[in-house]
C-alpha atoms as a PDB file:
ATOM      1  CA  PHE A   1      77.609 174.140 206.712  1.00  0.00           C
ATOM      2  CA  ASP A   2      74.434 172.161 207.351  1.00  0.00           C
ATOM      3  CA  GLU A   3      75.266 169.115 209.478  1.00  0.00           C
ATOM      4  CA  ASN A   4      71.981 167.498 208.400  1.00  0.00           C
ATOM      5  CA  ILE A   5      73.222 167.134 204.809  1.00  0.00           C
ATOM      6  CA  THR A   6      74.383 163.534 204.521  1.00  0.00           C
ATOM      7  CA  ASP A   7      76.392 161.696 201.866  1.00  0.00           C
ATOM      8  CA  ASP A   8      73.180 159.989 200.754  1.00  0.00           C
ATOM      9  CA  TYR A   9      71.554 163.388 200.185  1.00  0.00           C
ATOM     10  CA  ILE A  10      74.551 164.595 198.156  1.00  0.00           C
ATOM     11  CA  ASN A  11      74.454 161.424 196.049  1.00  0.00           C
ATOM     12  CA  ILE A  12      70.727 161.944 195.348  1.00  0.00           C
ATOM     13  CA  VAL A  13      71.340 165.550 194.265  1.00  0.00           C
ATOM     14  CA  GLN A  14      74.225 164.492 192.020  1.00  0.00           C
ATOM     15  CA  CYS A  15      72.101 161.726 190.514  1.00  0.00           C
ATOM     16  CA  LYS A  16      69.279 164.183 189.737  1.00  0.00           C
ATOM     17  CA  SER A  17      71.768 166.585 188.173  1.00  0.00           C
ATOM     18  CA  ALA A  18      73.184 163.832 185.926  1.00  0.00           C
ATOM     19  CA  ASN A  19      69.683 162.744 184.919  1.00  0.00           C
ATOM     20  CA  ASN A  20      68.869 166.347 184.002  1.00  0.00           C
ATOM     21  CA  ARG A  21      71.964 166.501 181.794  1.00  0.00           C
ATOM     22  CA  LEU A  22      71.054 163.235 180.077  1.00  0.00           C
ATOM     23  CA  GLN A  23      67.537 164.546 179.453  1.00  0.00           C
ATOM     24  CA  HIS A  24      69.065 167.755 178.081  1.00  0.00           C
ATOM     25  CA  TYR A  25      71.042 165.764 175.504  1.00  0.00           C
ATOM     26  CA  GLN A  26      68.044 163.607 174.594  1.00  0.00           C
ATOM     27  CA  ASN A  27      66.016 166.750 173.892  1.00  0.00           C
ATOM     28  CA  LYS A  28      68.867 168.336 171.958  1.00  0.00           C
ATOM     29  CA  ILE A  29      69.290 165.276 169.741  1.00  0.00           C
ATOM     30  CA  ALA A  30      65.533 165.003 169.169  1.00  0.00           C
ATOM     31  CA  ASN A  31      65.516 168.637 168.041  1.00  0.00           C
ATOM     32  CA  GLY A  32      68.061 168.040 165.291  1.00  0.00           C
ATOM     33  CA  ALA A  33      71.497 168.488 166.857  1.00  0.00           C
ATOM     34  CA  ASN A  34      74.513 168.125 164.563  1.00  0.00           C
ATOM     35  CA  ILE A  35      76.517 165.189 165.896  1.00  0.00           C
ATOM     36  CA  LEU A  36      80.021 164.033 165.006  1.00  0.00           C
ATOM     37  CA  GLU A  37      80.708 160.418 165.928  1.00  0.00           C
ATOM     38  CA  LEU A  38      84.345 159.345 166.258  1.00  0.00           C
ATOM     39  CA  GLY A  39      85.256 155.680 165.881  1.00  0.00           C
ATOM     40  CA  ALA A  40      81.759 154.766 164.738  1.00  0.00           C
ATOM     41  CA  GLY A  41      82.560 151.116 163.947  1.00  0.00           C
ATOM     42  CA  VAL A  42      79.482 149.462 162.451  1.00  0.00           C
ATOM     43  CA  GLY A  43      77.315 152.530 163.139  1.00  0.00           C
ATOM     44  CA  VAL A  44      74.927 151.318 165.836  1.00  0.00           C
ATOM     45  CA  VAL A  45      75.183 154.406 168.058  1.00  0.00           C
ATOM     46  CA  GLY A  46      75.185 157.002 165.288  1.00  0.00           C
ATOM     47  CA  SER A  47      72.248 155.369 163.505  1.00  0.00           C
ATOM     48  CA  SER A  48      70.296 155.287 166.776  1.00  0.00           C
ATOM     49  CA  PHE A  49      70.939 158.995 167.368  1.00  0.00           C
ATOM     50  CA  ALA A  50      69.808 159.736 163.819  1.00  0.00           C
ATOM     51  CA  ALA A  51      66.617 157.760 164.429  1.00  0.00           C
ATOM     52  CA  MET A  52      66.019 159.960 167.478  1.00  0.00           C
ATOM     53  CA  GLY A  53      66.154 163.069 165.291  1.00  0.00           C
ATOM     54  CA  GLY A  54      69.832 163.988 165.144  1.00  0.00           C
ATOM     55  CA  ASN A  55      71.927 164.815 162.097  1.00  0.00           C
ATOM     56  CA  VAL A  56      74.861 162.451 162.534  1.00  0.00           C
ATOM     57  CA  LEU A  57      78.173 162.367 160.699  1.00  0.00           C
ATOM     58  CA  LEU A  58      79.665 158.947 161.453  1.00  0.00           C
ATOM     59  CA  THR A  59      83.432 158.655 161.012  1.00  0.00           C
ATOM     60  CA  ASP A  60      86.056 155.950 161.127  1.00  0.00           C
ATOM     61  CA  LEU A  61      88.995 154.682 159.068  1.00  0.00           C
ATOM     62  CA  PRO A  62      88.397 154.281 155.289  1.00  0.00           C
ATOM     63  CA  THR A  63      88.046 150.496 155.305  1.00  0.00           C
ATOM     64  CA  LEU A  64      85.348 150.576 157.972  1.00  0.00           C
ATOM     65  CA  VAL A  65      83.521 153.414 156.236  1.00  0.00           C
ATOM     66  CA  ASP A  66      83.406 151.597 152.883  1.00  0.00           C
ATOM     67  CA  CYS A  67      82.805 148.061 154.140  1.00  0.00           C
ATOM     68  CA  SER A  68      80.669 148.673 157.205  1.00  0.00           C
ATOM     69  CA  LEU A  69      79.317 152.161 157.849  1.00  0.00           C
ATOM     70  CA  LEU A  70      77.983 153.101 154.421  1.00  0.00           C
ATOM     71  CA  PRO A  71      76.344 149.701 153.755  1.00  0.00           C
ATOM     72  CA  ASN A  72      74.724 149.707 157.203  1.00  0.00           C
ATOM     73  CA  LEU A  73      73.385 153.243 156.760  1.00  0.00           C
ATOM     74  CA  MET A  74      71.831 152.220 153.458  1.00  0.00           C
ATOM     75  CA  ARG A  75      70.232 149.188 155.125  1.00  0.00           C
ATOM     76  CA  ASN A  76      68.715 151.414 157.799  1.00  0.00           C
ATOM     77  CA  GLU A  77      67.506 154.133 155.458  1.00  0.00           C
ATOM     78  CA  THR A  78      63.880 155.075 155.987  1.00  0.00           C
ATOM     79  CA  HIS A  79      62.014 154.894 152.700  1.00  0.00           C
ATOM     80  CA  ILE A  80      59.019 157.207 152.867  1.00  0.00           C
ATOM     81  CA  ASN A  81      57.113 159.446 150.543  1.00  0.00           C
ATOM     82  CA  LYS A  82      58.972 162.663 151.200  1.00  0.00           C
ATOM     83  CA  LYS A  83      56.808 165.709 151.672  1.00  0.00           C
ATOM     84  CA  ASP A  84      57.985 169.155 150.633  1.00  0.00           C
ATOM     85  CA  ASP A  85      59.129 170.088 154.141  1.00  0.00           C
ATOM     86  CA  THR A  86      61.108 166.833 154.375  1.00  0.00           C
ATOM     87  CA  LYS A  87      62.846 167.626 151.087  1.00  0.00           C
ATOM     88  CA  GLU A  88      63.735 171.078 152.358  1.00  0.00           C
ATOM     89  CA  ALA A  89      65.128 169.606 155.564  1.00  0.00           C
ATOM     90  CA  HIS A  90      67.227 167.133 153.592  1.00  0.00           C
ATOM     91  CA  THR A  91      68.544 169.912 151.358  1.00  0.00           C
ATOM     92  CA  SER A  92      69.536 172.008 154.373  1.00  0.00           C
ATOM     93  CA  MET A  93      71.524 169.061 155.731  1.00  0.00           C
ATOM     94  CA  ALA A  94      73.387 168.452 152.479  1.00  0.00           C
ATOM     95  CA  SER A  95      76.140 170.982 153.131  1.00  0.00           C
ATOM     96  CA  TRP A  96      76.838 169.514 156.567  1.00  0.00           C
ATOM     97  CA  LEU A  97      76.349 165.784 156.116  1.00  0.00           C
ATOM     98  CA  GLY A  98      77.224 165.592 152.429  1.00  0.00           C
ATOM     99  CA  LYS A  99      75.251 164.588 149.351  1.00  0.00           C
ATOM    100  CA  ASP A 100      75.140 160.898 150.333  1.00  0.00           C
ATOM    101  CA  SER A 101      73.190 161.422 153.553  1.00  0.00           C
ATOM    102  CA  VAL A 102      70.244 159.140 154.231  1.00  0.00           C
ATOM    103  CA  GLN A 103      67.164 159.578 156.365  1.00  0.00           C
ATOM    104  CA  ILE A 104      66.858 157.216 159.312  1.00  0.00           C
ATOM    105  CA  HIS A 105      63.440 157.655 160.901  1.00  0.00           C
ATOM    106  CA  SER A 106      63.373 161.208 162.339  1.00  0.00           C
ATOM    107  CA  GLY A 107      66.923 162.262 161.460  1.00  0.00           C
ATOM    108  CA  TYR A 108      69.707 161.991 158.924  1.00  0.00           C
ATOM    109  CA  ALA A 109      73.096 160.306 158.794  1.00  0.00           C
ATOM    110  CA  SER A 110      76.151 160.132 156.603  1.00  0.00           C
ATOM    111  CA  ALA A 111      79.613 158.599 156.870  1.00  0.00           C
ATOM    112  CA  THR A 112      83.102 159.740 155.991  1.00  0.00           C
ATOM    113  CA  SER A 113      86.646 158.662 156.802  1.00  0.00           C
ATOM    114  CA  LEU A 114      88.525 160.440 159.567  1.00  0.00           C
ATOM    115  CA  ASP A 115      92.019 159.601 160.822  1.00  0.00           C
ATOM    116  CA  TRP A 116      92.804 160.863 164.330  1.00  0.00           C
ATOM    117  CA  THR A 117      96.515 161.118 163.511  1.00  0.00           C
ATOM    118  CA  LYS A 118      95.906 163.673 160.728  1.00  0.00           C
ATOM    119  CA  PRO A 119      94.768 167.326 160.975  1.00  0.00           C
ATOM    120  CA  LEU A 120      91.003 167.612 161.259  1.00  0.00           C
ATOM    121  CA  SER A 121      90.936 170.623 158.931  1.00  0.00           C
ATOM    122  CA  GLU A 122      92.265 168.443 156.097  1.00  0.00           C
ATOM    123  CA  GLN A 123      89.457 165.913 156.492  1.00  0.00           C
ATOM    124  CA  LEU A 124      86.312 167.896 157.300  1.00  0.00           C
ATOM    125  CA  SER A 125      85.156 171.181 155.808  1.00  0.00           C
ATOM    126  CA  PRO A 126      84.960 174.410 157.857  1.00  0.00           C
ATOM    127  CA  VAL A 127      81.158 174.199 157.610  1.00  0.00           C
ATOM    128  CA  GLN A 128      81.152 170.707 159.059  1.00  0.00           C
ATOM    129  CA  ILE A 129      83.538 171.541 161.898  1.00  0.00           C
ATOM    130  CA  GLY A 130      81.928 174.866 162.732  1.00  0.00           C
ATOM    131  CA  ASN A 131      78.420 173.460 163.040  1.00  0.00           C
ATOM    132  CA  ILE A 132      79.093 170.508 165.360  1.00  0.00           C
ATOM    133  CA  ASP A 133      76.886 170.578 168.455  1.00  0.00           C
ATOM    134  CA  ILE A 134      77.869 167.276 170.061  1.00  0.00           C
ATOM    135  CA  ILE A 135      80.826 164.915 169.646  1.00  0.00           C
ATOM    136  CA  ILE A 136      80.275 161.292 170.622  1.00  0.00           C
ATOM    137  CA  ALA A 137      82.569 158.287 170.973  1.00  0.00           C
ATOM    138  CA  CYS A 138      81.447 154.863 172.161  1.00  0.00           C
ATOM    139  CA  ASP A 139      84.098 152.666 173.778  1.00  0.00           C
ATOM    140  CA  CYS A 140      86.689 153.260 171.067  1.00  0.00           C
ATOM    141  CA  VAL A 141      89.856 154.013 173.085  1.00  0.00           C
ATOM    142  CA  TRP A 142      90.348 150.740 174.931  1.00  0.00           C
ATOM    143  CA  LEU A 143      94.048 150.710 174.012  1.00  0.00           C
ATOM    144  CA  VAL A 144      96.491 153.212 175.526  1.00  0.00           C
ATOM    145  CA  SER A 145      97.752 154.204 172.073  1.00  0.00           C
ATOM    146  CA  MET A 146      94.296 155.417 170.989  1.00  0.00           C
ATOM    147  CA  LEU A 147      93.545 157.955 173.721  1.00  0.00           C
ATOM    148  CA  ASP A 148      95.733 160.890 172.709  1.00  0.00           C
ATOM    149  CA  GLY A 149      94.652 160.713 169.070  1.00  0.00           C
ATOM    150  CA  LEU A 150      90.986 160.830 170.051  1.00  0.00           C
ATOM    151  CA  LEU A 151      91.458 163.746 172.433  1.00  0.00           C
ATOM    152  CA  ASP A 152      93.593 165.632 169.896  1.00  0.00           C
ATOM    153  CA  THR A 153      90.720 165.377 167.403  1.00  0.00           C
ATOM    154  CA  VAL A 154      88.223 166.557 170.011  1.00  0.00           C
ATOM    155  CA  ALA A 155      90.564 169.441 170.884  1.00  0.00           C
ATOM    156  CA  SER A 156      90.603 170.503 167.217  1.00  0.00           C
ATOM    157  CA  VAL A 157      86.809 170.745 167.232  1.00  0.00           C
ATOM    158  CA  PHE A 158      86.778 172.657 170.515  1.00  0.00           C
ATOM    159  CA  GLU A 159      89.319 175.168 169.215  1.00  0.00           C
ATOM    160  CA  ALA A 160      87.580 175.611 165.861  1.00  0.00           C
ATOM    161  CA  LYS A 161      84.277 176.241 167.605  1.00  0.00           C
ATOM    162  CA  LYS A 162      85.865 178.919 169.778  1.00  0.00           C
ATOM    163  CA  VAL A 163      87.198 180.706 166.723  1.00  0.00           C
ATOM    164  CA  SER A 164      83.961 180.453 164.756  1.00  0.00           C
ATOM    165  CA  LYS A 165      81.968 181.634 167.758  1.00  0.00           C
ATOM    166  CA  LYS A 166      84.089 184.776 168.012  1.00  0.00           C
ATOM    167  CA  ASP A 167      83.764 185.417 164.272  1.00  0.00           C
ATOM    168  CA  ASP A 168      79.987 185.156 164.199  1.00  0.00           C
ATOM    169  CA  GLU A 169      78.092 185.238 167.489  1.00  0.00           C
ATOM    170  CA  ASP A 170      74.779 185.433 165.649  1.00  0.00           C
ATOM    171  CA  SER A 171      75.210 182.215 163.666  1.00  0.00           C
ATOM    172  CA  LYS A 172      72.922 179.414 164.874  1.00  0.00           C
ATOM    173  CA  GLY A 173      75.553 176.750 164.443  1.00  0.00           C
ATOM    174  CA  ASN A 174      78.272 178.710 166.213  1.00  0.00           C
ATOM    175  CA  CYS A 175      76.547 180.251 169.223  1.00  0.00           C
ATOM    176  CA  ASP A 176      76.007 176.995 171.099  1.00  0.00           C
ATOM    177  CA  ASP A 177      78.862 175.455 173.064  1.00  0.00           C
ATOM    178  CA  VAL A 178      80.058 172.062 171.871  1.00  0.00           C
ATOM    179  CA  SER A 179      80.352 169.094 174.221  1.00  0.00           C
ATOM    180  CA  PHE A 180      81.862 165.622 174.048  1.00  0.00           C
ATOM    181  CA  LEU A 181      79.988 162.530 175.271  1.00  0.00           C
ATOM    182  CA  MET A 182      82.222 159.506 175.732  1.00  0.00           C
ATOM    183  CA  SER A 183      81.227 156.040 176.865  1.00  0.00           C
ATOM    184  CA  PHE A 184      83.996 153.897 178.288  1.00  0.00           C
ATOM    185  CA  GLN A 185      84.188 150.318 179.507  1.00  0.00           C
ATOM    186  CA  ARG A 186      86.685 149.565 182.254  1.00  0.00           C
ATOM    187  CA  ARG A 187      89.028 146.755 181.228  1.00  0.00           C
ATOM    188  CA  ASP A 188      91.800 147.225 183.785  1.00  0.00           C
ATOM    189  CA  THR A 189      90.246 145.369 186.719  1.00  0.00           C
ATOM    190  CA  ASN A 190      93.300 143.240 187.461  1.00  0.00           C
ATOM    191  CA  GLU A 191      96.162 145.611 186.628  1.00  0.00           C
ATOM    192  CA  GLY A 192      94.555 148.875 187.663  1.00  0.00           C
ATOM    193  CA  ASP A 193      96.189 152.118 186.542  1.00  0.00           C
ATOM    194  CA  LYS A 194      99.464 150.278 185.893  1.00  0.00           C
ATOM    195  CA  SER A 195      98.079 148.607 182.784  1.00  0.00           C
ATOM    196  CA  THR A 196     100.333 149.227 179.787  1.00  0.00           C
ATOM    197  CA  SER A 197      97.866 147.823 177.270  1.00  0.00           C
ATOM    198  CA  PHE A 198      94.393 148.990 178.218  1.00  0.00           C
ATOM    199  CA  THR A 199      93.330 152.583 178.764  1.00  0.00           C
ATOM    200  CA  THR A 200      92.218 153.060 182.358  1.00  0.00           C
ATOM    201  CA  VAL A 201      89.502 155.294 183.782  1.00  0.00           C
ATOM    202  CA  GLU A 202      92.163 157.164 185.726  1.00  0.00           C
ATOM    203  CA  ARG A 203      94.195 157.747 182.562  1.00  0.00           C
ATOM    204  CA  VAL A 204      91.152 159.090 180.723  1.00  0.00           C
ATOM    205  CA  LEU A 205      90.286 161.510 183.501  1.00  0.00           C
ATOM    206  CA  SER A 206      93.878 162.687 184.033  1.00  0.00           C
ATOM    207  CA  SER A 207      94.280 163.284 180.284  1.00  0.00           C
ATOM    208  CA  VAL A 208      91.095 165.338 180.204  1.00  0.00           C
ATOM    209  CA  GLU A 209      92.174 167.360 183.240  1.00  0.00           C
ATOM    210  CA  ALA A 210      95.596 167.988 181.691  1.00  0.00           C
ATOM    211  CA  ARG A 211      93.888 169.702 178.751  1.00  0.00           C
ATOM    212  CA  GLY A 212      91.966 172.004 181.071  1.00  0.00           C
ATOM    213  CA  TRP A 213      88.562 170.543 180.262  1.00  0.00           C
ATOM    214  CA  ARG A 214      85.706 169.898 182.640  1.00  0.00           C
ATOM    215  CA  PHE A 215      84.273 166.408 182.962  1.00  0.00           C
ATOM    216  CA  ASP A 216      81.319 164.839 184.729  1.00  0.00           C
ATOM    217  CA  CYS A 217      80.167 161.246 184.962  1.00  0.00           C
ATOM    218  CA  LEU A 218      76.564 161.223 183.739  1.00  0.00           C
ATOM    219  CA  ALA A 219      75.993 157.496 184.118  1.00  0.00           C
ATOM    220  CA  TRP A 220      77.646 154.373 185.482  1.00  0.00           C
ATOM    221  CA  LYS A 221      76.471 150.803 185.164  1.00  0.00           C
ATOM    222  CA  PRO A 222      77.924 147.317 185.640  1.00  0.00           C
ATOM    223  CA  VAL A 223      77.409 145.077 182.603  1.00  0.00           C
ATOM    224  CA  LEU A 224      77.878 141.338 182.289  1.00  0.00           C
ATOM    225  CA  VAL A 225      80.429 140.528 179.590  1.00  0.00           C
ATOM    226  CA  GLU A 226      80.596 136.999 178.206  1.00  0.00           C
ATOM    227  CA  GLY A 227      83.965 135.617 177.148  1.00  0.00           C
ATOM    228  CA  VAL A 228      85.321 132.330 175.852  1.00  0.00           C
ATOM    229  CA  ASP A 229      84.299 129.033 177.460  1.00  0.00           C
ATOM    230  CA  ASN A 230      81.153 130.667 178.893  1.00  0.00           C
ATOM    231  CA  PHE A 231      83.296 132.849 181.145  1.00  0.00           C
ATOM    232  CA  LYS A 232      81.279 135.791 182.465  1.00  0.00           C
ATOM    233  CA  GLU A 233      82.590 138.908 184.182  1.00  0.00           C
ATOM    234  CA  ASN A 234      81.042 142.146 185.412  1.00  0.00           C
ATOM    235  CA  LYS A 235      82.535 145.250 183.810  1.00  0.00           C
ATOM    236  CA  GLU A 236      81.862 148.902 184.580  1.00  0.00           C
ATOM    237  CA  VAL A 237      80.627 151.202 181.824  1.00  0.00           C
ATOM    238  CA  PHE A 238      80.726 154.992 182.205  1.00  0.00           C
ATOM    239  CA  ILE A 239      79.301 157.912 180.232  1.00  0.00           C
ATOM    240  CA  PHE A 240      81.442 161.030 180.591  1.00  0.00           C
ATOM    241  CA  GLU A 241      80.467 164.556 179.630  1.00  0.00           C
ATOM    242  CA  ILE A 242      83.528 166.580 178.611  1.00  0.00           C
ATOM    243  CA  ILE A 243      83.297 170.328 178.023  1.00  0.00           C
ATOM    244  CA  PRO A 244      86.010 172.910 177.218  1.00  0.00           C
ATOM    245  CA  LEU A 245      86.426 175.723 179.712  1.00  0.00           C
END
């Protein structure tokens, strides 16, 4: 043990490691990663990842898909004179994203309904599940009742990827390990882990550990949230990387 290694040094090393992981994901998305977004809402995150170069399947409940996601994807569609190579790229994405996919700058996006309380295999095709590179979810489990459903859906992808990887080690879509990136805003400042309404950071991490998955915090930042009557409060936002072991 080197007595000269201080806590500050360890924190710097950890920070560099997290930055390297974030850069890894940025490069992966820019190179056309297949991304499944859970709880996509109005589609801001998924559309942004598509613009970076990813192939993003945005999912949420049927009402949100029909009234929010699909209209917003159409509004953000990039209208360009498609060259032959662009047409070929779009055709290759059709089986994964579906026939209604749209180009958003450097990537492609599509939307479909997905209910976390129902089996994943009944809602997405084997091709879609087997070719997922990254799962993302942005602040969509703020209530306690939402957490298990989200993690059950993620677990279904993890398990399917394990099976498909064993079946075909040479397949491009199946040889890469899948990972889950989850952003989370702390809302339990006053009640702490005893909150019965809001999901806590501790509850997220303990639930992930209970499933035998590895997690790392890639980023943490305080954000100023504005409420009613001009009330402002600092909240913590985390980005977790979750990987099956």
